[in-house]
Amino acid sequence: RALARIFEVENPDSALIFCNTRARVDYVSTVLARFGYNADRISSDLTQAQRERIMAKIRKGELRFLVATDVASRGIDLPELTHVILYDLPDDPEDYIHRAGRTGRAGSSGTAITMVTPVEKMGLDRISKRYGIDMQEREAPTEEEVQEIVGERLLIQLEAKARNRDKLKLERMERFVPLAKELASSEEGLSLLA
C-alpha cells in the first residue's frame, strides 16, 4: 500500500521497480495491477520474445510501471524513465548504484526512491556513506495526504473538461444534475459517484 501511495504523490511518468526475487516481482506487479496501475513485470522466467513485447510497451508509453529483478534488468535502457523504485534493498551495494542509475541517463534527471524498514535503514546508510550519496529520508505519504493530492488532480482534470463543453454538452449535463444531487445525499450514492 505504501508503494501505491508513493506513486500517487510522486506521479511518475514511468518507473522501473526493482525487487530481489521473482516471487516479489510477481507480488508487486499483481498488487499494482489490482490497484489499477498500468504495470507489468520482467523476470528471468519470461522468454526473450515476451520481454521484448513488454519493453516495446514501456518505450511506446503504453506501460507506466515495470517491475523487474536485477537479472532481468541488465541491458534495459529506458531513456524516458523518470523514477526508479528500489522496493527491496539489494544485498550488494554496487547493485544499488546500478539500480538507481537506471534513471537520469544521458544527461537527463530522474528520481530514485528506496523503500526500507527501520532495520534495513542501517544498510542504506552504509551505502550512502560509501558512495557519498546525499539521501533524503521521508515517510511514506498517509492515506489522507494521498486523498488530498488525488482529489486536487481530479478536480483540475474535471474543471478542464468542463471548460471544453459546447452548448449541447452543457444542455445534456443539466439532465444529470438532479441525479447527482440525489446520489450525493447517501453513503451508497456517494460510493457510486466516487
C-alpha atoms as a PDB file:
ATOM      1  CA  ARG A   1       0.000   0.000   0.000  1.00  0.00           C
ATOM      2  CA  ALA A   2       2.897   2.370   0.720  1.00  0.00           C
ATOM      3  CA  LEU A   3       4.161   1.900  -2.847  1.00  0.00           C
ATOM      4  CA  ALA A   4       0.760   2.840  -4.273  1.00  0.00           C
ATOM      5  CA  ARG A   5       0.635   5.929  -2.033  1.00  0.00           C
ATOM      6  CA  ILE A   6       4.125   6.960  -3.173  1.00  0.00           C
ATOM      7  CA  PHE A   7       3.030   6.715  -6.822  1.00  0.00           C
ATOM      8  CA  GLU A   8       0.078   8.979  -6.188  1.00  0.00           C
ATOM      9  CA  VAL A   9       2.273  11.642  -4.584  1.00  0.00           C
ATOM     10  CA  GLU A  10       5.286  11.359  -6.903  1.00  0.00           C
ATOM     11  CA  ASN A  11       3.166  10.854 -10.057  1.00  0.00           C
ATOM     12  CA  PRO A  12       5.922   9.331 -12.209  1.00  0.00           C
ATOM     13  CA  ASP A  13       5.591   9.239 -15.987  1.00  0.00           C
ATOM     14  CA  SER A  14       7.305   5.864 -15.990  1.00  0.00           C
ATOM     15  CA  ALA A  15       9.018   3.876 -13.272  1.00  0.00           C
ATOM     16  CA  LEU A  16      11.236   0.835 -13.031  1.00  0.00           C
ATOM     17  CA  ILE A  17      10.658  -1.027  -9.765  1.00  0.00           C
ATOM     18  CA  PHE A  18      13.398  -3.362  -8.560  1.00  0.00           C
ATOM     19  CA  CYS A  19      12.789  -6.405  -6.387  1.00  0.00           C
ATOM     20  CA  ASN A  20      15.278  -9.033  -5.238  1.00  0.00           C
ATOM     21  CA  THR A  21      13.282 -12.138  -6.201  1.00  0.00           C
ATOM     22  CA  ARG A  22      10.933 -13.324  -8.939  1.00  0.00           C
ATOM     23  CA  ALA A  23       8.293 -14.052  -6.307  1.00  0.00           C
ATOM     24  CA  ARG A  24       8.457 -10.444  -5.096  1.00  0.00           C
ATOM     25  CA  VAL A  25       8.302  -9.182  -8.709  1.00  0.00           C
ATOM     26  CA  ASP A  26       5.127 -11.218  -9.239  1.00  0.00           C
ATOM     27  CA  TYR A  27       3.637  -9.962  -5.980  1.00  0.00           C
ATOM     28  CA  VAL A  28       4.385  -6.263  -6.589  1.00  0.00           C
ATOM     29  CA  SER A  29       3.209  -6.299 -10.220  1.00  0.00           C
ATOM     30  CA  THR A  30      -0.011  -8.101  -9.232  1.00  0.00           C
ATOM     31  CA  VAL A  31      -0.766  -5.677  -6.387  1.00  0.00           C
ATOM     32  CA  LEU A  32      -0.125  -2.655  -8.612  1.00  0.00           C
ATOM     33  CA  ALA A  33      -2.376  -4.044 -11.340  1.00  0.00           C
ATOM     34  CA  ARG A  34      -5.128  -4.710  -8.777  1.00  0.00           C
ATOM     35  CA  PHE A  35      -4.798  -1.100  -7.563  1.00  0.00           C
ATOM     36  CA  GLY A  36      -5.487  -0.067 -11.156  1.00  0.00           C
ATOM     37  CA  TYR A  37      -1.970   0.880 -12.182  1.00  0.00           C
ATOM     38  CA  ASN A  38      -0.679   0.068 -15.645  1.00  0.00           C
ATOM     39  CA  ALA A  39       2.066  -2.341 -14.534  1.00  0.00           C
ATOM     40  CA  ASP A  40       3.829  -5.406 -15.893  1.00  0.00           C
ATOM     41  CA  ARG A  41       6.832  -7.477 -14.912  1.00  0.00           C
ATOM     42  CA  ILE A  42      10.067  -8.754 -16.364  1.00  0.00           C
ATOM     43  CA  SER A  43      11.919 -11.614 -14.771  1.00  0.00           C
ATOM     44  CA  SER A  44      14.215 -14.396 -15.916  1.00  0.00           C
ATOM     45  CA  ASP A  45      11.325 -16.848 -16.379  1.00  0.00           C
ATOM     46  CA  LEU A  46       9.986 -14.925 -19.404  1.00  0.00           C
ATOM     47  CA  THR A  47      11.045 -15.748 -22.952  1.00  0.00           C
ATOM     48  CA  GLN A  48      13.049 -13.202 -24.888  1.00  0.00           C
ATOM     49  CA  ALA A  49      10.021 -12.534 -27.108  1.00  0.00           C
ATOM     50  CA  GLN A  50       7.857 -11.816 -24.043  1.00  0.00           C
ATOM     51  CA  ARG A  51      10.484  -9.458 -22.646  1.00  0.00           C
ATOM     52  CA  GLU A  52      10.749  -7.620 -25.966  1.00  0.00           C
ATOM     53  CA  ARG A  53       6.954  -7.150 -26.116  1.00  0.00           C
ATOM     54  CA  ILE A  54       6.923  -5.693 -22.613  1.00  0.00           C
ATOM     55  CA  MET A  55       9.885  -3.429 -23.363  1.00  0.00           C
ATOM     56  CA  ALA A  56       8.197  -2.195 -26.541  1.00  0.00           C
ATOM     57  CA  LYS A  57       5.099  -1.301 -24.499  1.00  0.00           C
ATOM     58  CA  ILE A  58       7.038   0.776 -21.986  1.00  0.00           C
ATOM     59  CA  ARG A  59       9.062   2.532 -24.706  1.00  0.00           C
ATOM     60  CA  LYS A  60       5.842   3.473 -26.536  1.00  0.00           C
ATOM     61  CA  GLY A  61       4.379   4.857 -23.320  1.00  0.00           C
ATOM     62  CA  GLU A  62       1.735   2.105 -23.156  1.00  0.00           C
ATOM     63  CA  LEU A  63       3.102   0.798 -19.855  1.00  0.00           C
ATOM     64  CA  ARG A  64       3.764   3.036 -16.874  1.00  0.00           C
ATOM     65  CA  PHE A  65       5.351   0.683 -14.332  1.00  0.00           C
ATOM     66  CA  LEU A  66       7.819  -2.107 -14.980  1.00  0.00           C
ATOM     67  CA  VAL A  67       8.719  -4.428 -12.096  1.00  0.00           C
ATOM     68  CA  ALA A  68      11.971  -6.365 -12.508  1.00  0.00           C
ATOM     69  CA  THR A  69      14.762  -8.311 -10.859  1.00  0.00           C
ATOM     70  CA  ASP A  70      18.400  -7.368 -11.374  1.00  0.00           C
ATOM     71  CA  VAL A  71      18.908 -10.397 -13.628  1.00  0.00           C
ATOM     72  CA  ALA A  72      16.118  -9.288 -15.934  1.00  0.00           C
ATOM     73  CA  SER A  73      17.086  -5.636 -15.831  1.00  0.00           C
ATOM     74  CA  ARG A  74      20.564  -5.970 -17.326  1.00  0.00           C
ATOM     75  CA  GLY A  75      20.704  -4.140 -20.601  1.00  0.00           C
ATOM     76  CA  ILE A  76      17.395  -2.334 -20.086  1.00  0.00           C
ATOM     77  CA  ASP A  77      17.717   1.177 -21.449  1.00  0.00           C
ATOM     78  CA  LEU A  78      14.686   3.374 -20.937  1.00  0.00           C
ATOM     79  CA  PRO A  79      15.552   6.953 -21.925  1.00  0.00           C
ATOM     80  CA  GLU A  80      12.223   8.412 -20.728  1.00  0.00           C
ATOM     81  CA  LEU A  81      12.399   6.783 -17.295  1.00  0.00           C
ATOM     82  CA  THR A  82      11.502   9.321 -14.590  1.00  0.00           C
ATOM     83  CA  HIS A  83      11.644   7.140 -11.476  1.00  0.00           C
ATOM     84  CA  VAL A  84      13.444   4.102 -10.131  1.00  0.00           C
ATOM     85  CA  ILE A  85      11.885   2.472  -7.096  1.00  0.00           C
ATOM     86  CA  LEU A  86      14.023   0.109  -5.049  1.00  0.00           C
ATOM     87  CA  TYR A  87      11.316  -1.957  -3.412  1.00  0.00           C
ATOM     88  CA  ASP A  88      13.955  -4.258  -1.934  1.00  0.00           C
ATOM     89  CA  LEU A  89      17.372  -3.105  -0.798  1.00  0.00           C
ATOM     90  CA  PRO A  90      19.945  -5.150  -2.749  1.00  0.00           C
ATOM     91  CA  ASP A  91      22.495  -7.265  -0.875  1.00  0.00           C
ATOM     92  CA  ASP A  92      25.427  -5.834  -2.870  1.00  0.00           C
ATOM     93  CA  PRO A  93      25.985  -2.046  -2.590  1.00  0.00           C
ATOM     94  CA  GLU A  94      27.136  -1.932  -6.229  1.00  0.00           C
ATOM     95  CA  ASP A  95      23.739  -3.275  -7.275  1.00  0.00           C
ATOM     96  CA  TYR A  96      22.198  -0.279  -5.537  1.00  0.00           C
ATOM     97  CA  ILE A  97      24.220   2.062  -7.757  1.00  0.00           C
ATOM     98  CA  HIS A  98      23.294   0.010 -10.841  1.00  0.00           C
ATOM     99  CA  ARG A  99      19.581   0.131  -9.983  1.00  0.00           C
ATOM    100  CA  ALA A 100      19.397   3.794  -9.018  1.00  0.00           C
ATOM    101  CA  GLY A 101      21.485   4.725 -12.052  1.00  0.00           C
ATOM    102  CA  ARG A 102      18.839   3.472 -14.473  1.00  0.00           C
ATOM    103  CA  THR A 103      17.230   6.900 -14.262  1.00  0.00           C
ATOM    104  CA  GLY A 104      18.994  10.110 -15.170  1.00  0.00           C
ATOM    105  CA  ARG A 105      20.627   8.613 -18.272  1.00  0.00           C
ATOM    106  CA  ALA A 106      22.256  10.695 -20.988  1.00  0.00           C
ATOM    107  CA  GLY A 107      22.184  13.928 -19.026  1.00  0.00           C
ATOM    108  CA  SER A 108      18.510  13.759 -18.067  1.00  0.00           C
ATOM    109  CA  SER A 109      17.405  13.745 -14.464  1.00  0.00           C
ATOM    110  CA  GLY A 110      15.283  11.323 -12.510  1.00  0.00           C
ATOM    111  CA  THR A 111      14.282  10.272  -9.041  1.00  0.00           C
ATOM    112  CA  ALA A 112      15.353   7.157  -7.161  1.00  0.00           C
ATOM    113  CA  ILE A 113      13.209   6.084  -4.222  1.00  0.00           C
ATOM    114  CA  THR A 114      14.344   3.356  -1.848  1.00  0.00           C
ATOM    115  CA  MET A 115      11.825   1.686   0.424  1.00  0.00           C
ATOM    116  CA  VAL A 116      13.360   0.349   3.625  1.00  0.00           C
ATOM    117  CA  THR A 117      12.280  -0.882   7.008  1.00  0.00           C
ATOM    118  CA  PRO A 118      13.915   0.616  10.118  1.00  0.00           C
ATOM    119  CA  VAL A 119      16.290  -2.398  10.229  1.00  0.00           C
ATOM    120  CA  GLU A 120      17.222  -2.031   6.528  1.00  0.00           C
ATOM    121  CA  LYS A 121      17.897   1.677   7.007  1.00  0.00           C
ATOM    122  CA  MET A 122      21.294   0.855   8.514  1.00  0.00           C
ATOM    123  CA  GLY A 123      22.281  -0.861   5.263  1.00  0.00           C
ATOM    124  CA  LEU A 124      21.077   2.111   3.245  1.00  0.00           C
ATOM    125  CA  ASP A 125      23.068   4.451   5.485  1.00  0.00           C
ATOM    126  CA  ARG A 126      26.205   2.382   4.759  1.00  0.00           C
ATOM    127  CA  ILE A 127      25.578   2.663   1.005  1.00  0.00           C
ATOM    128  CA  SER A 128      25.035   6.414   1.362  1.00  0.00           C
ATOM    129  CA  LYS A 129      28.289   6.836   3.245  1.00  0.00           C
ATOM    130  CA  ARG A 130      30.295   4.530   0.963  1.00  0.00           C
ATOM    131  CA  TYR A 131      29.270   6.323  -2.246  1.00  0.00           C
ATOM    132  CA  GLY A 132      28.798   9.831  -0.872  1.00  0.00           C
ATOM    133  CA  ILE A 133      25.101   9.935  -1.739  1.00  0.00           C
ATOM    134  CA  ASP A 134      23.049  12.633  -0.040  1.00  0.00           C
ATOM    135  CA  MET A 135      19.759  10.854   0.614  1.00  0.00           C
ATOM    136  CA  GLN A 136      16.602  12.496   1.866  1.00  0.00           C
ATOM    137  CA  GLU A 137      14.585  10.485   4.344  1.00  0.00           C
ATOM    138  CA  ARG A 138      10.816  10.670   4.032  1.00  0.00           C
ATOM    139  CA  GLU A 139       7.902   8.793   5.486  1.00  0.00           C
ATOM    140  CA  ALA A 140       5.503   7.179   3.045  1.00  0.00           C
ATOM    141  CA  PRO A 141       2.578   9.538   2.475  1.00  0.00           C
ATOM    142  CA  THR A 142      -0.514   8.934   4.559  1.00  0.00           C
ATOM    143  CA  GLU A 143      -3.881   7.961   3.104  1.00  0.00           C
ATOM    144  CA  GLU A 144      -5.118  11.479   3.909  1.00  0.00           C
ATOM    145  CA  GLU A 145      -2.234  13.124   2.022  1.00  0.00           C
ATOM    146  CA  VAL A 146      -2.864  10.892  -0.977  1.00  0.00           C
ATOM    147  CA  GLN A 147      -6.599  11.651  -0.931  1.00  0.00           C
ATOM    148  CA  GLU A 148      -5.862  15.372  -0.910  1.00  0.00           C
ATOM    149  CA  ILE A 149      -3.381  15.187  -3.808  1.00  0.00           C
ATOM    150  CA  VAL A 150      -5.516  12.840  -5.900  1.00  0.00           C
ATOM    151  CA  GLY A 151      -8.582  14.980  -5.214  1.00  0.00           C
ATOM    152  CA  GLU A 152      -6.767  18.135  -6.363  1.00  0.00           C
ATOM    153  CA  ARG A 153      -5.580  16.451  -9.574  1.00  0.00           C
ATOM    154  CA  LEU A 154      -9.015  15.060 -10.336  1.00  0.00           C
ATOM    155  CA  LEU A 155     -10.651  18.437  -9.719  1.00  0.00           C
ATOM    156  CA  ILE A 156      -8.218  20.075 -12.156  1.00  0.00           C
ATOM    157  CA  GLN A 157      -8.989  17.430 -14.790  1.00  0.00           C
ATOM    158  CA  LEU A 158     -12.735  17.777 -14.307  1.00  0.00           C
ATOM    159  CA  GLU A 159     -12.559  21.586 -14.480  1.00  0.00           C
ATOM    160  CA  ALA A 160     -10.549  21.362 -17.713  1.00  0.00           C
ATOM    161  CA  LYS A 161     -13.176  19.047 -19.229  1.00  0.00           C
ATOM    162  CA  ALA A 162     -15.969  21.347 -18.057  1.00  0.00           C
ATOM    163  CA  ARG A 163     -14.366  24.346 -19.778  1.00  0.00           C
ATOM    164  CA  ASN A 164     -14.312  22.463 -23.083  1.00  0.00           C
ATOM    165  CA  ARG A 165     -18.040  21.671 -23.185  1.00  0.00           C
ATOM    166  CA  ASP A 166     -20.110  23.083 -26.002  1.00  0.00           C
ATOM    167  CA  LYS A 167     -23.738  24.229 -25.643  1.00  0.00           C
ATOM    168  CA  LEU A 168     -25.158  20.796 -26.468  1.00  0.00           C
ATOM    169  CA  LYS A 169     -22.977  19.105 -23.838  1.00  0.00           C
ATOM    170  CA  LEU A 170     -23.977  21.726 -21.258  1.00  0.00           C
ATOM    171  CA  GLU A 171     -27.648  21.108 -22.014  1.00  0.00           C
ATOM    172  CA  ARG A 172     -27.188  17.335 -21.733  1.00  0.00           C
ATOM    173  CA  MET A 173     -25.266  17.695 -18.470  1.00  0.00           C
ATOM    174  CA  GLU A 174     -28.157  19.594 -16.880  1.00  0.00           C
ATOM    175  CA  ARG A 175     -30.249  16.421 -17.155  1.00  0.00           C
ATOM    176  CA  PHE A 176     -27.933  14.682 -14.695  1.00  0.00           C
ATOM    177  CA  VAL A 177     -27.746  17.379 -12.019  1.00  0.00           C
ATOM    178  CA  PRO A 178     -30.819  16.087 -10.081  1.00  0.00           C
ATOM    179  CA  LEU A 179     -29.416  12.549 -10.147  1.00  0.00           C
ATOM    180  CA  ALA A 180     -26.012  13.770  -8.904  1.00  0.00           C
ATOM    181  CA  LYS A 181     -27.707  15.641  -6.030  1.00  0.00           C
ATOM    182  CA  GLU A 182     -29.709  12.552  -5.108  1.00  0.00           C
ATOM    183  CA  LEU A 183     -26.632  10.320  -5.174  1.00  0.00           C
ATOM    184  CA  ALA A 184     -24.647  12.792  -3.068  1.00  0.00           C
ATOM    185  CA  SER A 185     -27.251  12.592  -0.302  1.00  0.00           C
ATOM    186  CA  SER A 186     -26.497   8.987   0.716  1.00  0.00           C
ATOM    187  CA  GLU A 187     -23.424   6.900   1.518  1.00  0.00           C
ATOM    188  CA  GLU A 188     -24.285   4.376  -1.213  1.00  0.00           C
ATOM    189  CA  GLY A 189     -24.805   7.196  -3.704  1.00  0.00           C
ATOM    190  CA  LEU A 190     -21.502   8.821  -2.757  1.00  0.00           C
ATOM    191  CA  SER A 191     -19.795   5.484  -3.367  1.00  0.00           C
ATOM    192  CA  LEU A 192     -21.358   5.316  -6.836  1.00  0.00           C
ATOM    193  CA  LEU A 193     -20.272   8.886  -7.608  1.00  0.00           C
ATOM    194  CA  ALA A 194     -16.729   8.147  -6.471  1.00  0.00           C
END
